[in-house]
Protein backbone atom coordinates (compact mmCIF):
# COMPACT_ATOMS: atom_id res chain seq x y z
CA MET A 1 -66.34 31.70 81.63
CA THR A 2 -65.35 33.53 84.81
CA SER A 3 -68.89 34.93 84.97
CA VAL A 4 -70.33 31.41 84.97
CA ARG A 5 -67.79 30.37 87.58
CA ASP A 6 -68.69 33.27 89.86
CA ALA A 7 -72.42 32.62 89.50
CA LEU A 8 -72.02 28.92 90.35
CA ARG A 9 -69.79 29.71 93.33
CA LYS A 10 -72.49 32.02 94.69
CA GLU A 11 -74.83 29.04 94.53
CA GLY A 12 -72.41 27.04 96.69
CA TYR A 13 -70.60 24.97 94.10
CA ALA A 14 -66.86 24.42 94.05
CA VAL A 15 -65.77 25.37 90.53
CA ILE A 16 -62.55 24.50 88.72
CA MET A 17 -61.72 26.00 85.33
CA VAL A 18 -59.72 24.59 82.43
CA PRO A 19 -58.19 27.43 80.36
CA GLU A 20 -58.29 27.54 76.58
CA ALA A 21 -55.21 25.78 75.19
CA ALA A 22 -55.08 27.90 72.01
CA THR A 23 -54.85 31.08 74.07
CA LEU A 24 -52.04 29.55 76.15
CA PHE A 25 -50.21 28.69 72.93
CA ARG A 26 -50.58 32.01 71.14
CA THR A 27 -50.11 34.37 74.07
CA ASN A 28 -46.86 32.58 74.85
CA GLY A 29 -45.41 32.87 71.36
CA ALA A 30 -46.61 29.80 69.44
CA LEU A 31 -47.44 30.66 65.81
CA TYR A 32 -50.31 29.00 63.95
CA PRO A 33 -48.66 27.39 60.89
CA GLY A 34 -51.59 27.24 58.47
CA CYS A 35 -51.90 24.57 55.79
CA GLU A 36 -51.01 26.17 52.45
CA ASP A 37 -48.68 23.43 51.19
CA GLU A 38 -47.35 19.99 52.11
CA VAL A 39 -44.67 21.39 54.42
CA ARG A 40 -47.22 23.53 56.25
CA ARG A 41 -49.57 20.56 56.38
CA GLY A 42 -46.98 18.59 58.33
CA MET A 43 -46.38 21.55 60.63
CA LEU A 44 -50.12 21.97 61.20
CA LEU A 45 -50.49 18.29 62.05
CA ALA A 46 -47.67 18.57 64.60
CA TYR A 47 -49.14 21.81 66.00
CA GLU A 48 -52.66 20.40 66.40
CA GLU A 49 -51.27 17.17 67.86
CA GLU A 50 -49.65 19.22 70.61
CA MET A 51 -52.88 21.22 70.96
CA MET A 52 -54.90 18.05 71.52
CA LYS A 53 -52.26 16.73 73.89
CA MET A 54 -52.45 19.95 75.90
CA LYS A 55 -56.25 19.93 75.98
CA LEU A 56 -56.43 16.32 77.11
CA TYR A 57 -53.71 16.83 79.72
CA LEU A 58 -55.30 19.97 81.16
CA GLU A 59 -58.73 18.37 81.30
CA ASP A 60 -57.50 15.10 82.82
CA THR A 61 -55.35 16.89 85.37
CA MET A 62 -58.08 19.28 86.45
CA LEU A 63 -60.60 16.42 86.57
CA ALA A 64 -58.28 14.65 89.01
CA VAL A 65 -58.22 17.83 91.08
CA THR A 66 -62.03 18.00 91.12
CA GLN A 67 -62.11 14.44 92.39
CA CYS A 68 -59.69 15.39 95.15
CA GLU A 69 -61.91 18.34 96.06
CA ALA A 70 -64.98 16.10 96.14
CA ALA A 71 -63.19 13.65 98.42
CA ILE A 72 -62.16 16.45 100.79
CA MET A 73 -65.63 18.00 100.84
CA GLY A 74 -67.33 14.70 101.59
CA PRO A 75 -70.27 12.95 99.90
CA LYS A 76 -72.92 15.38 101.18
CA ASP A 77 -71.27 18.45 99.68
CA ALA A 78 -69.33 17.00 96.77
CA ASP A 79 -70.78 19.38 94.16
CA VAL A 80 -67.68 20.21 92.14
CA VAL A 81 -68.15 21.68 88.66
CA MET A 82 -65.39 21.73 86.04
CA LEU A 83 -65.72 24.36 83.31
CA VAL A 84 -63.73 23.75 80.13
CA ASP A 85 -62.98 26.67 77.81
CA ARG A 86 -63.25 25.01 74.37
CA GLY A 87 -63.16 21.23 74.31
CA VAL A 88 -61.16 18.76 72.24
CA MET A 89 -63.70 18.62 69.38
CA ASP A 90 -62.84 22.25 68.60
CA VAL A 91 -59.59 21.04 67.04
CA LYS A 92 -61.63 19.47 64.23
CA ALA A 93 -62.77 22.93 63.12
CA TYR A 94 -59.20 24.01 62.35
CA VAL A 95 -57.94 21.04 60.32
CA THR A 96 -58.88 19.24 57.13
CA PRO A 97 -60.84 15.95 57.38
CA ASP A 98 -57.76 13.87 56.57
CA LEU A 99 -55.68 15.59 59.26
CA TRP A 100 -58.48 15.10 61.77
CA ALA A 101 -58.56 11.39 60.92
CA GLU A 102 -54.80 11.24 61.50
CA LEU A 103 -55.15 12.95 64.87
CA LEU A 104 -57.86 10.53 66.00
CA LYS A 105 -55.62 7.65 64.99
CA LYS A 106 -52.59 9.11 66.78
CA PHE A 107 -54.56 9.44 70.02
CA ASN A 108 -56.43 6.17 69.52
CA ILE A 109 -59.70 7.95 70.21
CA THR A 110 -63.06 8.28 68.47
CA GLU A 111 -65.26 11.32 68.05
CA GLN A 112 -67.87 9.71 70.27
CA ALA A 113 -65.31 9.15 73.01
CA ILE A 114 -64.39 12.83 72.80
CA LEU A 115 -68.03 13.91 72.99
CA ASP A 116 -68.57 11.65 75.99
CA ARG A 117 -65.91 13.54 77.94
CA TYR A 118 -68.34 16.43 78.43
CA ASP A 119 -71.66 16.38 80.28
CA LEU A 120 -72.90 19.63 78.75
CA VAL A 121 -71.74 21.71 75.80
CA CYS A 122 -72.76 25.37 75.69
CA HIS A 123 -72.00 27.19 72.44
CA MET A 124 -72.15 30.98 72.58
CA THR A 125 -72.59 32.18 69.00
CA THR A 126 -70.00 34.74 67.97
CA ALA A 127 -71.08 38.36 67.81
CA ALA A 128 -69.96 38.18 64.17
CA THR A 129 -73.28 36.42 63.50
CA GLY A 130 -76.19 38.69 64.22
CA ALA A 131 -74.44 41.21 66.48
CA GLU A 132 -71.65 42.40 64.21
CA LYS A 133 -71.41 45.87 65.72
CA PHE A 134 -70.25 44.29 68.98
CA TYR A 135 -67.62 42.04 67.40
CA THR A 136 -64.13 42.93 68.64
CA LEU A 137 -60.67 41.45 68.96
CA ASP A 138 -59.82 43.65 71.95
CA ASN A 139 -60.95 41.11 74.57
CA ASN A 140 -58.56 38.33 73.50
CA MET A 141 -55.08 39.02 72.17
CA ALA A 142 -54.94 35.48 70.73
CA ARG A 143 -57.75 36.26 68.27
CA SER A 144 -57.10 37.70 64.81
CA GLU A 145 -60.16 36.71 62.72
CA GLY A 146 -62.20 39.26 60.82
CA VAL A 147 -66.00 39.12 60.90
CA ASP A 148 -66.41 36.78 57.92
CA LEU A 149 -63.80 34.29 59.09
CA ALA A 150 -65.10 34.41 62.67
CA ARG A 151 -68.59 33.63 61.41
CA THR A 152 -67.33 30.73 59.28
CA LEU A 153 -65.24 29.21 62.07
CA ASP A 154 -68.09 29.58 64.53
CA ASN A 155 -70.43 27.64 62.24
CA ILE A 156 -67.83 24.93 61.64
CA THR A 157 -67.13 24.63 65.37
CA LEU A 158 -70.82 24.33 66.21
CA ASN A 159 -71.16 21.63 63.56
CA CYS A 160 -68.34 19.66 65.23
CA TRP A 161 -70.43 19.41 68.41
CA LYS A 162 -73.84 18.80 66.83
CA LYS A 163 -73.96 15.12 67.87
CA HIS A 164 -73.53 15.87 71.58
CA GLN A 165 -76.62 14.81 73.48
CA HIS A 166 -76.64 17.95 75.63
CA LEU A 167 -75.71 20.75 73.24
CA PHE A 168 -77.17 24.17 74.03
CA VAL A 169 -76.72 27.13 71.70
CA VAL A 170 -76.95 30.72 72.92
CA ASP A 171 -77.47 32.87 69.83
CA ASN A 172 -77.82 36.59 69.21
CA SER A 173 -81.53 36.60 68.41
CA ASN A 174 -83.84 39.42 69.50
CA GLY A 175 -80.96 41.83 70.00
CA LYS A 176 -79.57 40.06 73.08
CA THR A 177 -76.80 41.87 74.89
CA PHE A 178 -73.70 39.99 75.98
CA ASN A 179 -74.90 40.13 79.59
CA GLU A 180 -78.24 38.65 78.55
CA LYS A 181 -76.40 35.84 76.80
CA LEU A 182 -74.40 35.20 79.95
CA GLU A 183 -77.58 35.11 82.01
CA GLU A 184 -78.96 32.52 79.60
CA VAL A 185 -75.81 30.45 80.05
CA HIS A 186 -76.14 30.69 83.84
CA LYS A 187 -79.70 29.37 83.65
CA VAL A 188 -78.65 26.49 81.40
CA PHE A 189 -75.88 25.43 83.78
CA HIS A 190 -78.08 25.80 86.85
CA LYS A 191 -80.90 23.72 85.34
CA PHE A 192 -78.58 21.01 84.02
CA ILE A 193 -76.62 20.63 87.26
CA HIS A 194 -79.84 20.50 89.27
CA GLN A 195 -81.20 17.78 86.99
CA GLN A 196 -77.96 15.80 87.33
CA GLN A 197 -78.16 16.02 91.11
CA ILE A 198 -81.72 14.71 91.10
CA SER A 199 -80.75 11.89 88.73
CA ASN A 200 -77.78 10.89 90.92
CA GLN A 201 -80.00 10.73 94.00
CA GLN A 202 -82.48 8.35 92.40
């Protein structure tokens, strides 16, 4: 995500980033409880409730900051982009359908309302699907999934976002390198932001 941030900043945009909540949890000692029995189920519900609370808080807080930045910059230069590392719908991929329904009820929110929080969703397919030789856990100490589990979770996560009106998937086809995937992401963001600017001016 820092690569996208740097590219957008070179184009003159003010960019604010929202860090991944799961990484904040795990790198600071929080243990994922799992859901093997009824006791664990209750623990998982409490864990994911706090995860959603953290995601929503971080996003809402940073959105308020972007609005402050836009106000300071003035209407002519108020091009502030907020990049979110894994949105709220990602939580759905790590819980059972009944737990997800409970979470939606607890937060009095619908899936559509969650989807509407994001203008663009860019899903970078895991290297575990189609680029297995490059799959590694070394670049994120919060990750522990093997190739098979990473592939499964990636598919489930993508499925959670499939109803978003602006979902773009960057896969590993044609032997793309990671840098080539990043370049594709840069182009997607650039095109989308430019289209939004034109739409807002009309």
